[in-house]
Protein backbone atom coordinates (compact mmCIF):
# COMPACT_ATOMS: atom_id res chain seq x y z
CA MET A 1 0.11 -0.17 0.02
CA THR A 2 1.76 3.29 -0.82
CA ASP A 3 0.69 6.78 0.81
CA THR A 4 -0.33 9.60 -1.01
CA ILE A 5 1.65 12.65 -0.12
CA GLN A 6 -0.33 15.36 -1.73
CA ALA A 7 -3.03 15.42 -4.43
CA GLY A 8 -1.62 17.64 -7.30
CA PRO A 9 1.51 18.93 -8.13
CA ARG A 10 4.34 16.67 -6.73
CA CYS A 11 6.22 18.69 -4.10
CA GLY A 12 9.90 18.53 -3.53
CA LEU A 13 10.50 19.68 -0.09
CA TYR A 14 8.37 18.91 3.19
CA LEU A 15 9.57 20.43 6.66
CA VAL A 16 8.22 18.23 8.63
CA SER A 17 7.91 18.76 12.42
CA ALA A 18 8.55 15.76 15.05
CA GLY A 19 6.84 18.36 17.49
CA ILE A 20 7.71 17.47 20.82
CA GLY A 21 10.06 14.73 20.16
CA ASP A 22 7.69 11.73 21.31
CA PRO A 23 7.80 8.73 18.69
CA ASP A 24 4.04 8.28 20.24
CA SER A 25 2.97 11.41 19.75
CA ILE A 26 4.34 12.41 15.79
CA THR A 27 1.48 12.83 13.86
CA VAL A 28 -0.65 10.75 11.12
CA LYS A 29 0.11 13.25 8.81
CA ALA A 30 3.43 13.17 9.15
CA GLN A 31 4.21 9.75 9.31
CA LYS A 32 2.59 9.04 6.02
CA ILE A 33 4.54 12.20 4.37
CA LEU A 34 8.18 10.45 6.09
CA ARG A 35 7.01 6.75 4.47
CA GLY A 36 6.40 8.81 1.43
CA VAL A 37 9.54 10.70 0.84
CA ASP A 38 12.92 9.69 -0.72
CA ILE A 39 15.44 11.16 1.14
CA VAL A 40 15.25 12.33 4.92
CA PHE A 41 17.63 15.17 6.88
CA GLY A 42 17.61 14.93 10.77
CA ILE A 43 19.51 15.01 13.66
CA PRO A 44 20.67 11.83 14.91
CA ARG A 45 18.56 11.51 17.94
CA LEU A 46 15.32 11.82 15.64
CA LEU A 47 16.65 9.53 12.81
CA GLU A 48 17.18 7.05 15.53
CA ALA A 49 14.18 7.58 17.43
CA PHE A 50 12.23 7.22 13.87
CA ALA A 51 14.42 4.11 12.64
CA GLU A 52 11.66 1.83 11.65
CA LEU A 53 9.54 4.44 10.02
CA LEU A 54 12.59 5.30 8.03
CA SER A 55 13.75 2.16 6.99
CA GLY A 56 15.54 1.87 3.81
CA LYS A 57 15.45 5.47 2.87
CA GLU A 58 18.59 7.75 2.30
CA SER A 59 19.32 9.65 5.12
CA HIS A 60 21.37 12.43 6.25
CA PRO A 61 22.27 14.32 9.18
CA ALA A 62 21.23 17.79 9.57
CA GLY A 63 22.17 20.91 11.82
CA HIS A 64 19.69 22.77 13.46
CA GLY A 65 18.39 25.77 12.04
CA LEU A 66 20.35 25.82 8.83
CA PHE A 67 19.95 28.64 6.21
CA SER A 68 19.21 31.28 9.26
CA PRO A 69 20.68 32.86 12.27
CA LEU A 70 19.96 30.18 14.47
CA ALA A 71 22.51 27.54 13.33
CA ARG A 72 25.57 29.97 13.93
CA ARG A 73 24.89 30.57 17.75
CA ASP A 74 26.80 27.76 18.93
CA THR A 75 28.29 26.22 15.87
CA PRO A 76 31.52 28.07 13.83
CA GLU A 77 30.28 29.76 10.72
CA GLU A 78 32.97 27.83 8.61
CA GLU A 79 31.00 24.56 9.78
CA VAL A 80 27.65 25.94 9.18
CA GLU A 81 28.79 26.94 5.59
CA ALA A 82 29.83 23.50 4.68
CA MET A 83 26.84 21.99 6.28
CA GLU A 84 24.76 24.25 4.18
CA ARG A 85 26.75 23.78 0.81
CA ARG A 86 26.32 19.99 1.22
CA THR A 87 22.50 20.15 2.41
CA ARG A 88 21.69 22.62 -0.62
CA ALA A 89 23.42 20.38 -2.85
CA THR A 90 21.69 17.25 -1.99
CA ILE A 91 18.37 19.10 -1.89
CA ARG A 92 18.79 20.35 -5.46
CA ALA A 93 19.72 17.58 -7.00
CA ALA A 94 16.87 15.57 -5.43
CA ALA A 95 14.52 18.12 -6.44
CA ALA A 96 15.88 17.83 -10.38
CA ALA A 97 15.71 13.88 -10.47
CA GLY A 98 12.01 14.34 -9.61
CA LYS A 99 12.79 12.89 -5.75
CA THR A 100 11.16 14.11 -2.43
CA VAL A 101 12.79 15.33 0.49
CA ALA A 102 11.91 15.64 4.21
CA VAL A 103 13.68 17.88 6.61
CA LEU A 104 12.67 16.61 10.30
CA ASP A 105 13.31 18.30 13.35
CA TYR A 106 12.11 18.86 16.52
CA GLY A 107 10.25 21.50 18.11
CA ASP A 108 7.25 24.03 16.91
CA ALA A 109 8.14 24.83 13.35
CA MET A 110 7.63 28.22 12.77
CA ILE A 111 8.00 29.25 16.57
CA PHE A 112 12.01 30.05 17.04
CA GLY A 113 12.04 28.98 13.31
CA PRO A 114 14.12 26.04 13.35
CA GLN A 115 12.98 25.12 9.90
CA ALA A 116 12.20 28.91 8.93
CA GLY A 117 15.65 29.20 7.12
CA TYR A 118 14.41 26.40 4.35
CA LEU A 119 11.66 28.20 3.28
CA ALA A 120 13.75 31.19 1.96
CA GLU A 121 16.32 29.04 0.80
CA PHE A 122 14.25 26.44 -1.41
CA ALA A 123 11.31 28.83 -1.64
CA ASP A 124 10.96 27.86 -5.74
CA LEU A 125 10.45 24.45 -4.59
CA ASN A 126 7.25 25.43 -2.65
CA PRO A 127 8.14 23.40 0.71
CA ILE A 128 5.23 22.67 2.54
CA VAL A 129 4.98 22.63 6.58
CA VAL A 130 4.13 19.64 8.30
CA PRO A 131 3.29 21.21 12.15
CA GLY A 132 4.12 18.72 15.15
CA VAL A 133 2.74 18.40 18.73
CA SER A 134 3.20 21.84 19.93
CA CYS A 135 4.86 22.13 23.34
CA PHE A 136 2.64 24.88 24.07
CA ASN A 137 -0.27 22.48 23.73
CA ALA A 138 1.51 19.50 25.72
CA ALA A 139 2.10 22.01 28.54
CA ASN A 140 -1.07 23.06 28.36
CA ALA A 141 -2.31 19.69 28.55
CA ALA A 142 0.07 19.07 31.40
CA LEU A 143 -1.46 22.02 33.36
CA GLY A 144 -5.02 20.81 33.06
CA ARG A 145 -6.02 24.44 32.58
CA ASP A 146 -8.04 26.30 30.33
CA VAL A 147 -5.14 29.05 29.48
CA THR A 148 -7.98 31.60 28.16
CA GLY A 149 -10.32 30.77 31.58
CA GLY A 150 -8.19 33.67 33.58
CA ARG A 151 -10.70 35.61 35.79
CA ARG A 152 -9.47 38.99 34.92
CA SER A 153 -7.78 38.34 31.23
CA ARG A 154 -9.43 36.17 28.26
CA SER A 155 -6.17 36.98 26.24
CA VAL A 156 -2.80 34.98 25.89
CA ILE A 157 0.29 36.24 24.85
CA LEU A 158 2.86 33.68 23.35
CA ALA A 159 6.28 35.51 24.11
CA ALA A 160 10.00 35.01 23.98
CA SER A 161 12.06 36.03 27.05
CA ALA A 162 14.33 37.77 24.63
CA ASP A 163 14.08 40.99 27.57
CA THR A 164 15.74 38.95 29.88
CA ARG A 165 18.93 39.16 27.89
CA ASP A 166 20.99 42.69 28.04
CA ASP A 167 21.48 42.64 24.11
CA TYR A 168 17.52 42.64 23.51
CA GLY A 169 16.40 46.23 21.50
CA GLY A 170 12.55 45.30 20.68
CA THR A 171 9.93 47.23 21.80
CA ASP A 172 7.96 44.18 23.02
CA THR A 173 9.72 44.46 26.38
CA LEU A 174 8.58 42.49 29.53
CA ASP A 175 7.39 45.82 31.12
CA LYS A 176 5.02 46.34 28.13
CA LEU A 177 3.42 42.78 27.84
CA ALA A 178 3.49 42.40 32.24
CA ALA A 179 1.31 45.57 31.67
CA THR A 180 -1.65 44.14 29.29
CA GLY A 181 -2.40 41.88 32.08
CA SER A 182 -3.08 39.24 29.73
CA THR A 183 -2.06 35.22 30.43
CA LEU A 184 1.66 35.20 29.67
CA VAL A 185 3.93 32.05 28.08
CA PHE A 186 7.27 32.52 27.48
CA PHE A 187 9.12 30.37 25.26
CA THR A 188 12.11 30.58 27.35
CA MET A 189 14.97 29.29 24.97
CA ARG A 190 18.40 30.97 26.57
CA GLY A 191 16.14 33.24 28.95
CA ASP A 192 16.93 34.25 32.58
CA LEU A 193 14.49 33.19 35.20
CA PRO A 194 15.50 35.41 37.98
CA SER A 195 15.51 38.56 35.68
CA LEU A 196 12.09 37.47 34.17
CA VAL A 197 10.82 37.15 37.48
CA GLU A 198 11.86 40.73 39.03
CA ARG A 199 10.37 42.09 35.70
CA LEU A 200 7.37 40.92 35.84
CA ALA A 201 7.58 41.64 39.77
CA ARG A 202 7.51 45.37 38.53
CA HIS A 203 3.97 44.87 37.34
CA LEU A 204 2.10 42.14 38.72
CA PRO A 205 1.27 41.41 42.46
CA GLY A 206 3.97 38.82 44.49
CA SER A 207 0.62 36.36 44.61
CA THR A 208 0.50 36.04 40.82
CA PRO A 209 0.33 32.35 39.64
CA ILE A 210 3.00 31.00 37.76
CA ALA A 211 3.89 27.36 36.46
CA ILE A 212 6.88 26.20 34.96
CA VAL A 213 6.37 23.22 32.47
CA ALA A 214 9.64 21.32 31.59
CA HIS A 215 9.88 18.53 29.02
CA ALA A 216 6.17 19.11 28.09
CA GLY A 217 4.44 15.78 26.52
CA ALA A 218 7.76 13.54 27.64
CA ASP A 219 6.17 11.21 29.64
CA GLU A 220 9.25 10.00 31.70
CA ARG A 221 10.77 13.37 32.12
CA GLN A 222 7.99 15.95 32.47
CA THR A 223 7.56 18.29 35.26
CA VAL A 224 5.35 20.99 36.22
CA LEU A 225 6.48 23.28 39.01
CA ARG A 226 3.47 25.39 40.63
CA ALA A 227 4.20 28.90 42.50
CA THR A 228 3.55 32.62 42.94
CA LEU A 229 6.05 35.35 41.74
CA ASP A 230 7.09 35.58 45.01
CA THR A 231 8.15 32.01 45.80
CA VAL A 232 9.37 30.86 42.50
CA LEU A 233 13.22 31.55 42.68
CA GLU A 234 12.82 29.83 46.12
CA SER A 235 10.85 26.72 44.80
CA THR A 236 13.44 26.12 42.04
CA GLN A 237 16.17 26.44 44.64
CA ASP A 238 17.95 28.49 42.32
CA ALA A 239 18.27 25.73 40.14
CA LYS A 240 18.47 26.58 36.36
CA PRO A 241 15.35 25.19 34.66
CA PRO A 242 16.05 22.75 31.50
CA PHE A 243 16.68 24.09 28.16
CA GLU A 244 13.45 22.63 27.47
CA HIS A 245 10.91 24.61 29.55
CA LEU A 246 8.25 27.27 29.51
CA VAL A 247 7.16 29.66 31.68
CA TYR A 248 2.91 30.71 32.38
CA VAL A 249 2.05 33.66 34.34
CA GLY A 250 -1.48 34.54 35.03
CA ASP A 251 -4.71 33.62 37.45
CA PHE A 252 -5.97 31.02 35.04
CA LEU A 253 -3.47 28.83 37.02
CA GLY A 254 -5.41 29.83 40.58
């Protein structure tokens, strides 16, 4: 039985999100596409996690965030450029030969943009983005609360915590976000929790509920910490949260 990837014109490139990375949580659509493509790019952990699904396919290691500044944060420029050259040549050759390629990565494909660079680099191939189970949705489930059900606010702002770093020059400062009174959900990659708490406390009562969800959706590693702005740093015992965590702030938690 052959899976149909797409009705109509054949697409050359699929940007497939594994979402939270749990093999049990990958979408049915993502599975169909991965079964149907000829070539897969992915980081080693994902290629291993989905080895059965990808059996017999040509596979290549992929960096994180190629063709975007994201790839250059922790990797030397020359190494990134060499990987991009190889990836570009492979994908272009596959497209010219009528083959299909999937780029498989973790995360919310268009939040923090782990695959966003491919959209511009291969725009002529009309890449299709295949979303996965978002860490935001997984964290909502872990909390078991309606994020739009706050007593004083029904709005939810999804934000980066970039303002906790000294080099941020954007206009969407934490002061402005906190002043709205909306429920705030922070994708906290590289954020600083003490700075986040200090800046929020300028505008919100110390009794404001806060929750930290780490490894959302990963059954064996998922943790939920509930506290208030006044108590959260003591509750974490000054330990830095893991890289994969979200911070929720709002009275919907109460």
